[in-house]
Amino acid sequence: MERIRRFFHERQAELIIGGLIFTLVVLFFGPNIFVTIKEGEAGVMYLRFFGGTVRDKIYGEGLHVVWPWDKLRVYNVRVQETRRTVEVLDNTGLQFRLNVSIRYHPDYIVLPLLHQRVGPEYLDKVVIPEVEGVLRTMAGTLDARGLYSNEHEVLAKIVSESMSQTADKYIVIDDVIIRSIELPEPIRLAIQKKREEEQLAEAYTYRLQREEDEAKRKVVEAKGTKDANDIVSSSLSSNILKWRGIEATMALSVSTNAKVIVIGNGPQGLPIILGSDK
C-alpha cells in the first residue's frame, strides 16, 4: 500500500509540474500560438522548417493556432491614408511645397508576395518614395503658377502615374489628393492679384456686352416705332380726320353730362363740346 501511495504521489507531482510547465509555455508563447485576425485584416504564414512563406494561401479573419516556431504575420488590408509634405521644384527652379494625402492598400490577392519581397514596411519602402518621385517628376515639367491654376489636371496625372509605378510592387494606390500648395509669398500674392485683375476684366467685358445688347434693343425698338408711325401717317387723310371728329362730337352730344359748345373753330373745323360732370 505504501508503494502504491508513493507511486500516486509521484504521478501527481509529475502532473502538477507538467501542468505548470504547460501553463508557462502557453503564457510565454501564447501570443504566437493563438493568433486572432480581426476584421479588415489578412495573414501570411511563415513555416520555419517547411519551405518558408506560404504563397498559395491567405489566412482570413478568425482565430488561428500556430506552432511556436512558425509565424503568422497579420496585415491591414483596408484602405489606409497617410499625409506627407513634399518639397518640389518647378521647371524654373522655384521651390514650393505640396501637402498631399495618399490613400492605399495592399493587393489582397498577392499579399504573400508582398510579404516575401517587400515586407510589412511597404509604406516607407514603396508607397511614399514612389508617390514622392512622381510628384517631383510632374512638378519639374510644370510652372508653379500652372500647377496652382490647373490642380485637377495635374492630380489626375499624378494618380495615374503613381498607380502604374506601384502596380508591380503588390500595392494599390487608390488616390493622391493635393490638400494644399504652399508657394513662396511673393508668388502667391502675384497669382492672387492676377486672378483679381482677370475677374475685373471679365466683369468689365460683361458690362460692355450688356450695354451693346441694350443699344441694339433700343435701335430695334426705335425702328419699330418709326415703322408704325409711318404706316399710320400714310393711312391718314383730312376726310378721315373730319369723320373721326364728327364721331367724337356725336358721342359727346349724347352724353348726359353738362356741356359747353364753342362755335367757330375755323372754317373747316367742328364745334368744340366741353363736357363737365354733374
C-alpha atoms as a PDB file:
ATOM      1  CA  MET A   1       0.000   0.000   0.000  1.00  0.00           C
ATOM      2  CA  GLU A   2       2.841   2.334   0.844  1.00  0.00           C
ATOM      3  CA  ARG A   3       4.373   1.749  -2.587  1.00  0.00           C
ATOM      4  CA  ILE A   4       1.059   2.418  -4.279  1.00  0.00           C
ATOM      5  CA  ARG A   5       0.540   5.601  -2.288  1.00  0.00           C
ATOM      6  CA  ARG A   6       4.075   6.741  -3.098  1.00  0.00           C
ATOM      7  CA  PHE A   7       3.519   5.928  -6.787  1.00  0.00           C
ATOM      8  CA  PHE A   8       0.363   8.073  -6.941  1.00  0.00           C
ATOM      9  CA  HIS A   9       2.090  10.888  -5.099  1.00  0.00           C
ATOM     10  CA  GLU A  10       4.905  10.812  -7.623  1.00  0.00           C
ATOM     11  CA  ARG A  11       2.485  10.757 -10.561  1.00  0.00           C
ATOM     12  CA  GLN A  12       0.512  13.630  -9.017  1.00  0.00           C
ATOM     13  CA  ALA A  13       3.668  15.674  -8.576  1.00  0.00           C
ATOM     14  CA  GLU A  14       4.651  14.954 -12.172  1.00  0.00           C
ATOM     15  CA  LEU A  15       1.201  16.050 -13.383  1.00  0.00           C
ATOM     16  CA  ILE A  16       1.408  19.244 -11.365  1.00  0.00           C
ATOM     17  CA  ILE A  17       4.878  20.009 -12.687  1.00  0.00           C
ATOM     18  CA  GLY A  18       3.773  19.160 -16.209  1.00  0.00           C
ATOM     19  CA  GLY A  19       0.741  21.409 -15.844  1.00  0.00           C
ATOM     20  CA  LEU A  20       2.901  24.254 -14.586  1.00  0.00           C
ATOM     21  CA  ILE A  21       5.312  23.811 -17.483  1.00  0.00           C
ATOM     22  CA  PHE A  22       2.425  23.726 -19.960  1.00  0.00           C
ATOM     23  CA  THR A  23       0.924  26.856 -18.393  1.00  0.00           C
ATOM     24  CA  LEU A  24       4.251  28.660 -18.588  1.00  0.00           C
ATOM     25  CA  VAL A  25       4.685  27.613 -22.201  1.00  0.00           C
ATOM     26  CA  VAL A  26       1.192  28.816 -23.046  1.00  0.00           C
ATOM     27  CA  LEU A  27       1.729  32.114 -21.240  1.00  0.00           C
ATOM     28  CA  PHE A  28       5.101  32.670 -22.901  1.00  0.00           C
ATOM     29  CA  PHE A  29       4.248  31.507 -26.411  1.00  0.00           C
ATOM     30  CA  GLY A  30       0.506  32.181 -26.251  1.00  0.00           C
ATOM     31  CA  PRO A  31       0.509  35.366 -28.370  1.00  0.00           C
ATOM     32  CA  ASN A  32       2.398  33.478 -31.082  1.00  0.00           C
ATOM     33  CA  ILE A  33       0.392  30.267 -30.813  1.00  0.00           C
ATOM     34  CA  PHE A  34      -3.116  31.709 -30.745  1.00  0.00           C
ATOM     35  CA  VAL A  35      -3.351  34.462 -33.342  1.00  0.00           C
ATOM     36  CA  THR A  36      -6.607  36.338 -33.955  1.00  0.00           C
ATOM     37  CA  ILE A  37      -7.023  38.033 -37.314  1.00  0.00           C
ATOM     38  CA  LYS A  38      -9.538  40.852 -36.950  1.00  0.00           C
ATOM     39  CA  GLU A  39     -11.946  42.308 -39.475  1.00  0.00           C
ATOM     40  CA  GLY A  40     -10.206  44.087 -42.322  1.00  0.00           C
ATOM     41  CA  GLU A  41      -7.038  42.032 -41.850  1.00  0.00           C
ATOM     42  CA  ALA A  42      -5.380  39.063 -43.513  1.00  0.00           C
ATOM     43  CA  GLY A  43      -2.460  36.832 -42.569  1.00  0.00           C
ATOM     44  CA  VAL A  44       0.600  35.338 -44.258  1.00  0.00           C
ATOM     45  CA  MET A  45       2.187  32.223 -42.734  1.00  0.00           C
ATOM     46  CA  TYR A  46       5.918  31.634 -42.426  1.00  0.00           C
ATOM     47  CA  LEU A  47       6.916  27.992 -41.829  1.00  0.00           C
ATOM     48  CA  ARG A  48      10.395  27.783 -40.318  1.00  0.00           C
ATOM     49  CA  PHE A  49      11.013  24.121 -41.225  1.00  0.00           C
ATOM     50  CA  PHE A  50       8.703  23.587 -44.210  1.00  0.00           C
ATOM     51  CA  GLY A  51       9.539  25.994 -47.004  1.00  0.00           C
ATOM     52  CA  GLY A  52       9.273  29.476 -45.531  1.00  0.00           C
ATOM     53  CA  THR A  53       6.499  31.797 -46.720  1.00  0.00           C
ATOM     54  CA  VAL A  54       3.277  30.070 -47.713  1.00  0.00           C
ATOM     55  CA  ARG A  55       2.442  31.692 -51.063  1.00  0.00           C
ATOM     56  CA  ASP A  56      -0.651  29.716 -52.049  1.00  0.00           C
ATOM     57  CA  LYS A  57      -2.805  30.531 -49.029  1.00  0.00           C
ATOM     58  CA  ILE A  58      -4.015  33.718 -47.365  1.00  0.00           C
ATOM     59  CA  TYR A  59      -5.296  33.378 -43.804  1.00  0.00           C
ATOM     60  CA  GLY A  60      -8.612  35.146 -43.270  1.00  0.00           C
ATOM     61  CA  GLU A  61     -10.372  36.574 -40.253  1.00  0.00           C
ATOM     62  CA  GLY A  62     -10.757  34.469 -37.111  1.00  0.00           C
ATOM     63  CA  LEU A  63      -8.630  32.506 -34.604  1.00  0.00           C
ATOM     64  CA  HIS A  64      -5.651  30.531 -35.883  1.00  0.00           C
ATOM     65  CA  VAL A  65      -3.358  28.122 -33.984  1.00  0.00           C
ATOM     66  CA  VAL A  66       0.291  28.425 -34.967  1.00  0.00           C
ATOM     67  CA  TRP A  67       3.280  26.340 -33.902  1.00  0.00           C
ATOM     68  CA  PRO A  68       5.662  28.354 -31.726  1.00  0.00           C
ATOM     69  CA  TRP A  69       8.477  28.084 -34.272  1.00  0.00           C
ATOM     70  CA  ASP A  70       6.286  29.377 -37.108  1.00  0.00           C
ATOM     71  CA  LYS A  71       4.968  32.898 -37.526  1.00  0.00           C
ATOM     72  CA  LEU A  72       1.682  34.320 -38.826  1.00  0.00           C
ATOM     73  CA  ARG A  73       2.147  37.908 -39.997  1.00  0.00           C
ATOM     74  CA  VAL A  74      -1.049  39.981 -39.953  1.00  0.00           C
ATOM     75  CA  TYR A  75      -1.618  42.794 -42.486  1.00  0.00           C
ATOM     76  CA  ASN A  76      -4.201  45.561 -42.577  1.00  0.00           C
ATOM     77  CA  VAL A  77      -5.847  45.192 -45.996  1.00  0.00           C
ATOM     78  CA  ARG A  78      -8.285  48.094 -45.675  1.00  0.00           C
ATOM     79  CA  VAL A  79      -7.832  51.406 -47.461  1.00  0.00           C
ATOM     80  CA  GLN A  80      -5.360  53.425 -45.403  1.00  0.00           C
ATOM     81  CA  GLU A  81      -4.257  57.036 -45.532  1.00  0.00           C
ATOM     82  CA  THR A  82      -1.008  58.822 -44.881  1.00  0.00           C
ATOM     83  CA  ARG A  83      -0.262  62.541 -45.164  1.00  0.00           C
ATOM     84  CA  ARG A  84       3.011  63.964 -46.352  1.00  0.00           C
ATOM     85  CA  THR A  85       4.565  67.321 -47.167  1.00  0.00           C
ATOM     86  CA  VAL A  86       6.812  67.126 -50.228  1.00  0.00           C
ATOM     87  CA  GLU A  87       9.213  69.847 -51.326  1.00  0.00           C
ATOM     88  CA  VAL A  88       9.475  70.045 -55.118  1.00  0.00           C
ATOM     89  CA  LEU A  89      10.949  72.270 -57.829  1.00  0.00           C
ATOM     90  CA  ASP A  90       9.094  73.519 -60.900  1.00  0.00           C
ATOM     91  CA  ASN A  91      10.632  73.884 -64.362  1.00  0.00           C
ATOM     92  CA  THR A  92      12.005  77.326 -63.455  1.00  0.00           C
ATOM     93  CA  GLY A  93      13.768  76.077 -60.329  1.00  0.00           C
ATOM     94  CA  LEU A  94      11.211  77.603 -57.959  1.00  0.00           C
ATOM     95  CA  GLN A  95      10.869  75.583 -54.754  1.00  0.00           C
ATOM     96  CA  PHE A  96       7.453  75.042 -53.195  1.00  0.00           C
ATOM     97  CA  ARG A  97       5.599  72.518 -51.042  1.00  0.00           C
ATOM     98  CA  LEU A  98       2.808  70.073 -51.766  1.00  0.00           C
ATOM     99  CA  ASN A  99       0.717  68.842 -48.849  1.00  0.00           C
ATOM    100  CA  VAL A 100      -0.712  65.553 -50.061  1.00  0.00           C
ATOM    101  CA  SER A 101      -2.853  62.730 -48.761  1.00  0.00           C
ATOM    102  CA  ILE A 102      -2.133  59.225 -50.108  1.00  0.00           C
ATOM    103  CA  ARG A 103      -4.780  56.500 -49.950  1.00  0.00           C
ATOM    104  CA  TYR A 104      -3.525  52.968 -50.489  1.00  0.00           C
ATOM    105  CA  HIS A 105      -3.969  49.313 -49.565  1.00  0.00           C
ATOM    106  CA  PRO A 106      -2.109  46.041 -50.147  1.00  0.00           C
ATOM    107  CA  ASP A 107      -3.193  43.976 -53.107  1.00  0.00           C
ATOM    108  CA  TYR A 108      -5.030  41.158 -51.286  1.00  0.00           C
ATOM    109  CA  ILE A 109      -4.523  38.542 -53.991  1.00  0.00           C
ATOM    110  CA  VAL A 110      -0.729  38.802 -53.939  1.00  0.00           C
ATOM    111  CA  LEU A 111      -0.330  39.515 -50.219  1.00  0.00           C
ATOM    112  CA  PRO A 112       2.156  36.619 -49.688  1.00  0.00           C
ATOM    113  CA  LEU A 113       4.391  38.041 -52.433  1.00  0.00           C
ATOM    114  CA  LEU A 114       4.240  41.472 -50.814  1.00  0.00           C
ATOM    115  CA  HIS A 115       5.288  39.913 -47.516  1.00  0.00           C
ATOM    116  CA  GLN A 116       8.094  37.933 -49.106  1.00  0.00           C
ATOM    117  CA  ARG A 117       9.544  40.607 -51.395  1.00  0.00           C
ATOM    118  CA  VAL A 118       8.763  43.902 -49.637  1.00  0.00           C
ATOM    119  CA  GLY A 119       7.604  43.202 -46.092  1.00  0.00           C
ATOM    120  CA  PRO A 120       5.376  44.977 -43.575  1.00  0.00           C
ATOM    121  CA  GLU A 121       7.281  48.268 -44.044  1.00  0.00           C
ATOM    122  CA  TYR A 122       5.903  48.667 -47.570  1.00  0.00           C
ATOM    123  CA  LEU A 123       4.555  52.149 -46.759  1.00  0.00           C
ATOM    124  CA  ASP A 124       8.018  53.590 -46.145  1.00  0.00           C
ATOM    125  CA  LYS A 125       9.760  51.364 -48.677  1.00  0.00           C
ATOM    126  CA  VAL A 126       7.399  51.703 -51.643  1.00  0.00           C
ATOM    127  CA  VAL A 127       4.320  53.913 -51.281  1.00  0.00           C
ATOM    128  CA  ILE A 128       5.900  57.147 -50.036  1.00  0.00           C
ATOM    129  CA  PRO A 129       9.083  57.025 -52.191  1.00  0.00           C
ATOM    130  CA  GLU A 130       7.147  56.199 -55.363  1.00  0.00           C
ATOM    131  CA  VAL A 131       4.499  58.890 -54.874  1.00  0.00           C
ATOM    132  CA  GLU A 132       7.106  61.492 -53.915  1.00  0.00           C
ATOM    133  CA  GLY A 133       9.099  60.568 -57.012  1.00  0.00           C
ATOM    134  CA  VAL A 134       6.030  61.026 -59.200  1.00  0.00           C
ATOM    135  CA  LEU A 135       5.248  64.367 -57.556  1.00  0.00           C
ATOM    136  CA  ARG A 136       8.760  65.675 -58.140  1.00  0.00           C
ATOM    137  CA  THR A 137       8.784  64.451 -61.736  1.00  0.00           C
ATOM    138  CA  MET A 138       5.411  66.016 -62.532  1.00  0.00           C
ATOM    139  CA  ALA A 139       6.258  69.291 -60.790  1.00  0.00           C
ATOM    140  CA  GLY A 140       9.525  69.506 -62.727  1.00  0.00           C
ATOM    141  CA  THR A 141       7.610  69.679 -66.003  1.00  0.00           C
ATOM    142  CA  LEU A 142       5.286  72.477 -64.892  1.00  0.00           C
ATOM    143  CA  ASP A 143       5.410  76.089 -63.890  1.00  0.00           C
ATOM    144  CA  ALA A 144       4.349  76.583 -60.264  1.00  0.00           C
ATOM    145  CA  ARG A 145       1.688  79.049 -61.397  1.00  0.00           C
ATOM    146  CA  GLY A 146       0.326  76.469 -63.821  1.00  0.00           C
ATOM    147  CA  LEU A 147       0.253  73.829 -61.089  1.00  0.00           C
ATOM    148  CA  TYR A 148      -1.587  76.266 -58.823  1.00  0.00           C
ATOM    149  CA  SER A 149      -4.150  77.008 -61.560  1.00  0.00           C
ATOM    150  CA  ASN A 150      -4.609  73.508 -63.042  1.00  0.00           C
ATOM    151  CA  GLU A 151      -4.552  71.390 -59.904  1.00  0.00           C
ATOM    152  CA  HIS A 152      -7.231  68.922 -61.046  1.00  0.00           C
ATOM    153  CA  GLU A 153      -5.471  68.053 -64.303  1.00  0.00           C
ATOM    154  CA  VAL A 154      -2.160  67.560 -62.519  1.00  0.00           C
ATOM    155  CA  LEU A 155      -3.845  65.423 -59.851  1.00  0.00           C
ATOM    156  CA  ALA A 156      -5.256  63.029 -62.450  1.00  0.00           C
ATOM    157  CA  LYS A 157      -1.787  62.568 -63.950  1.00  0.00           C
ATOM    158  CA  ILE A 158      -0.221  62.013 -60.515  1.00  0.00           C
ATOM    159  CA  VAL A 159      -2.757  59.323 -59.568  1.00  0.00           C
ATOM    160  CA  SER A 160      -2.345  57.530 -62.895  1.00  0.00           C
ATOM    161  CA  GLU A 161       1.436  57.596 -62.730  1.00  0.00           C
ATOM    162  CA  SER A 162       1.519  56.533 -59.060  1.00  0.00           C
ATOM    163  CA  MET A 163      -0.721  53.544 -59.762  1.00  0.00           C
ATOM    164  CA  SER A 164       1.468  52.395 -62.640  1.00  0.00           C
ATOM    165  CA  GLN A 165       4.643  52.767 -60.560  1.00  0.00           C
ATOM    166  CA  THR A 166       3.365  50.654 -57.641  1.00  0.00           C
ATOM    167  CA  ALA A 167       1.328  48.077 -59.568  1.00  0.00           C
ATOM    168  CA  ASP A 168       4.263  45.665 -59.873  1.00  0.00           C
ATOM    169  CA  LYS A 169       5.084  46.061 -56.178  1.00  0.00           C
ATOM    170  CA  TYR A 170       1.847  44.450 -54.943  1.00  0.00           C
ATOM    171  CA  ILE A 171       0.307  47.692 -53.646  1.00  0.00           C
ATOM    172  CA  VAL A 172      -2.704  49.639 -54.909  1.00  0.00           C
ATOM    173  CA  ILE A 173      -2.717  53.452 -54.828  1.00  0.00           C
ATOM    174  CA  ASP A 174      -6.378  54.449 -54.620  1.00  0.00           C
ATOM    175  CA  ASP A 175      -5.921  58.209 -54.677  1.00  0.00           C
ATOM    176  CA  VAL A 176      -3.433  61.019 -54.245  1.00  0.00           C
ATOM    177  CA  ILE A 177      -5.062  64.210 -53.012  1.00  0.00           C
ATOM    178  CA  ILE A 178      -3.279  67.558 -53.143  1.00  0.00           C
ATOM    179  CA  ARG A 179      -4.549  69.146 -49.949  1.00  0.00           C
ATOM    180  CA  SER A 180      -2.756  72.440 -50.431  1.00  0.00           C
ATOM    181  CA  ILE A 181       0.054  74.082 -52.362  1.00  0.00           C
ATOM    182  CA  GLU A 182       2.445  76.324 -50.444  1.00  0.00           C
ATOM    183  CA  LEU A 183       4.071  78.808 -52.798  1.00  0.00           C
ATOM    184  CA  PRO A 184       6.559  81.494 -51.789  1.00  0.00           C
ATOM    185  CA  GLU A 185       4.685  84.539 -50.534  1.00  0.00           C
ATOM    186  CA  PRO A 186       5.588  86.887 -53.439  1.00  0.00           C
ATOM    187  CA  ILE A 187       4.468  84.309 -55.994  1.00  0.00           C
ATOM    188  CA  ARG A 188       1.237  83.632 -54.141  1.00  0.00           C
ATOM    189  CA  LEU A 189       0.401  87.351 -53.939  1.00  0.00           C
ATOM    190  CA  ALA A 190       1.216  87.818 -57.628  1.00  0.00           C
ATOM    191  CA  ILE A 191      -1.102  84.952 -58.614  1.00  0.00           C
ATOM    192  CA  GLN A 192      -3.854  86.301 -56.388  1.00  0.00           C
ATOM    193  CA  LYS A 193      -3.504  89.774 -57.904  1.00  0.00           C
ATOM    194  CA  LYS A 194      -3.590  88.336 -61.411  1.00  0.00           C
ATOM    195  CA  ARG A 195      -6.778  86.441 -60.636  1.00  0.00           C
ATOM    196  CA  GLU A 196      -8.402  89.586 -59.249  1.00  0.00           C
ATOM    197  CA  GLU A 197      -7.454  91.513 -62.394  1.00  0.00           C
ATOM    198  CA  GLU A 198      -8.834  88.724 -64.583  1.00  0.00           C
ATOM    199  CA  GLN A 199     -12.127  88.812 -62.676  1.00  0.00           C
ATOM    200  CA  LEU A 200     -12.326  92.624 -63.042  1.00  0.00           C
ATOM    201  CA  ALA A 201     -11.616  92.313 -66.767  1.00  0.00           C
ATOM    202  CA  GLU A 202     -14.340  89.696 -67.136  1.00  0.00           C
ATOM    203  CA  ALA A 203     -16.802  91.917 -65.244  1.00  0.00           C
ATOM    204  CA  TYR A 204     -15.898  94.908 -67.461  1.00  0.00           C
ATOM    205  CA  THR A 205     -16.322  92.822 -70.607  1.00  0.00           C
ATOM    206  CA  TYR A 206     -19.694  91.655 -69.343  1.00  0.00           C
ATOM    207  CA  ARG A 207     -20.846  95.230 -68.724  1.00  0.00           C
ATOM    208  CA  LEU A 208     -19.729  96.286 -72.208  1.00  0.00           C
ATOM    209  CA  GLN A 209     -21.582  93.392 -73.766  1.00  0.00           C
ATOM    210  CA  ARG A 210     -24.686  94.238 -71.770  1.00  0.00           C
ATOM    211  CA  GLU A 211     -24.570  97.887 -72.908  1.00  0.00           C
ATOM    212  CA  GLU A 212     -24.108  96.815 -76.522  1.00  0.00           C
ATOM    213  CA  ASP A 213     -27.099  94.490 -76.248  1.00  0.00           C
ATOM    214  CA  GLU A 214     -29.180  97.306 -74.708  1.00  0.00           C
ATOM    215  CA  ALA A 215     -28.177  99.704 -77.504  1.00  0.00           C
ATOM    216  CA  LYS A 216     -29.182  97.138 -80.120  1.00  0.00           C
ATOM    217  CA  ARG A 217     -32.504  96.666 -78.361  1.00  0.00           C
ATOM    218  CA  LYS A 218     -33.199 100.403 -78.381  1.00  0.00           C
ATOM    219  CA  VAL A 219     -32.350 100.633 -82.093  1.00  0.00           C
ATOM    220  CA  VAL A 220     -34.771  97.809 -82.854  1.00  0.00           C
ATOM    221  CA  GLU A 221     -37.432  99.414 -80.665  1.00  0.00           C
ATOM    222  CA  ALA A 222     -36.981 102.836 -82.300  1.00  0.00           C
ATOM    223  CA  LYS A 223     -37.140 101.319 -85.773  1.00  0.00           C
ATOM    224  CA  GLY A 224     -40.355  99.533 -84.863  1.00  0.00           C
ATOM    225  CA  THR A 225     -41.906 102.760 -83.544  1.00  0.00           C
ATOM    226  CA  LYS A 226     -40.862 104.653 -86.674  1.00  0.00           C
ATOM    227  CA  ASP A 227     -42.281 101.959 -88.953  1.00  0.00           C
ATOM    228  CA  ALA A 228     -45.570 102.033 -87.020  1.00  0.00           C
ATOM    229  CA  ASN A 229     -45.806 105.821 -87.254  1.00  0.00           C
ATOM    230  CA  ASP A 230     -45.047 105.716 -90.968  1.00  0.00           C
ATOM    231  CA  ILE A 231     -47.832 103.206 -91.503  1.00  0.00           C
ATOM    232  CA  VAL A 232     -50.326 105.311 -89.522  1.00  0.00           C
ATOM    233  CA  SER A 233     -49.273 108.532 -91.283  1.00  0.00           C
ATOM    234  CA  SER A 234     -49.634 107.007 -94.709  1.00  0.00           C
ATOM    235  CA  SER A 235     -53.184 105.875 -93.928  1.00  0.00           C
ATOM    236  CA  LEU A 236     -54.445 109.251 -92.591  1.00  0.00           C
ATOM    237  CA  SER A 237     -56.245 111.900 -94.731  1.00  0.00           C
ATOM    238  CA  SER A 238     -58.215 115.117 -93.973  1.00  0.00           C
ATOM    239  CA  ASN A 239     -61.524 113.419 -94.672  1.00  0.00           C
ATOM    240  CA  ILE A 240     -60.724 110.595 -92.275  1.00  0.00           C
ATOM    241  CA  LEU A 241     -59.748 113.094 -89.592  1.00  0.00           C
ATOM    242  CA  LYS A 242     -63.019 115.034 -90.116  1.00  0.00           C
ATOM    243  CA  TRP A 243     -65.027 111.870 -89.893  1.00  0.00           C
ATOM    244  CA  ARG A 244     -63.275 110.875 -86.645  1.00  0.00           C
ATOM    245  CA  GLY A 245     -64.023 114.372 -85.309  1.00  0.00           C
ATOM    246  CA  ILE A 246     -67.722 114.060 -86.200  1.00  0.00           C
ATOM    247  CA  GLU A 247     -67.888 110.703 -84.431  1.00  0.00           C
ATOM    248  CA  ALA A 248     -66.290 112.145 -81.313  1.00  0.00           C
ATOM    249  CA  THR A 249     -68.646 115.184 -81.363  1.00  0.00           C
ATOM    250  CA  MET A 250     -71.708 112.967 -81.706  1.00  0.00           C
ATOM    251  CA  ALA A 251     -70.539 110.805 -78.827  1.00  0.00           C
ATOM    252  CA  LEU A 252     -70.190 113.869 -76.593  1.00  0.00           C
ATOM    253  CA  SER A 253     -73.535 115.334 -77.660  1.00  0.00           C
ATOM    254  CA  VAL A 254     -75.483 112.329 -76.451  1.00  0.00           C
ATOM    255  CA  SER A 255     -73.708 112.327 -73.101  1.00  0.00           C
ATOM    256  CA  THR A 256     -75.844 113.191 -70.028  1.00  0.00           C
ATOM    257  CA  ASN A 257     -73.150 115.487 -68.648  1.00  0.00           C
ATOM    258  CA  ALA A 258     -73.487 119.318 -68.934  1.00  0.00           C
ATOM    259  CA  LYS A 259     -71.745 120.729 -71.999  1.00  0.00           C
ATOM    260  CA  VAL A 260     -70.222 123.969 -73.248  1.00  0.00           C
ATOM    261  CA  ILE A 261     -70.326 124.324 -77.047  1.00  0.00           C
ATOM    262  CA  VAL A 262     -67.812 126.638 -78.705  1.00  0.00           C
ATOM    263  CA  ILE A 263     -68.820 127.690 -82.236  1.00  0.00           C
ATOM    264  CA  GLY A 264     -66.404 128.956 -84.833  1.00  0.00           C
ATOM    265  CA  ASN A 265     -63.455 126.561 -84.625  1.00  0.00           C
ATOM    266  CA  GLY A 266     -62.191 127.650 -88.046  1.00  0.00           C
ATOM    267  CA  PRO A 267     -63.966 127.475 -91.400  1.00  0.00           C
ATOM    268  CA  GLN A 268     -63.366 123.754 -91.721  1.00  0.00           C
ATOM    269  CA  GLY A 269     -63.422 122.918 -88.022  1.00  0.00           C
ATOM    270  CA  LEU A 270     -66.025 121.205 -85.913  1.00  0.00           C
ATOM    271  CA  PRO A 271     -67.791 122.667 -82.881  1.00  0.00           C
ATOM    272  CA  ILE A 272     -65.905 122.113 -79.645  1.00  0.00           C
ATOM    273  CA  ILE A 273     -68.021 120.494 -76.988  1.00  0.00           C
ATOM    274  CA  LEU A 274     -66.626 120.666 -73.481  1.00  0.00           C
ATOM    275  CA  GLY A 275     -68.302 118.406 -71.007  1.00  0.00           C
ATOM    276  CA  SER A 276     -68.365 118.710 -67.210  1.00  0.00           C
ATOM    277  CA  ASP A 277     -69.573 116.269 -64.626  1.00  0.00           C
ATOM    278  CA  LYS A 278     -72.811 116.989 -62.856  1.00  0.00           C
END
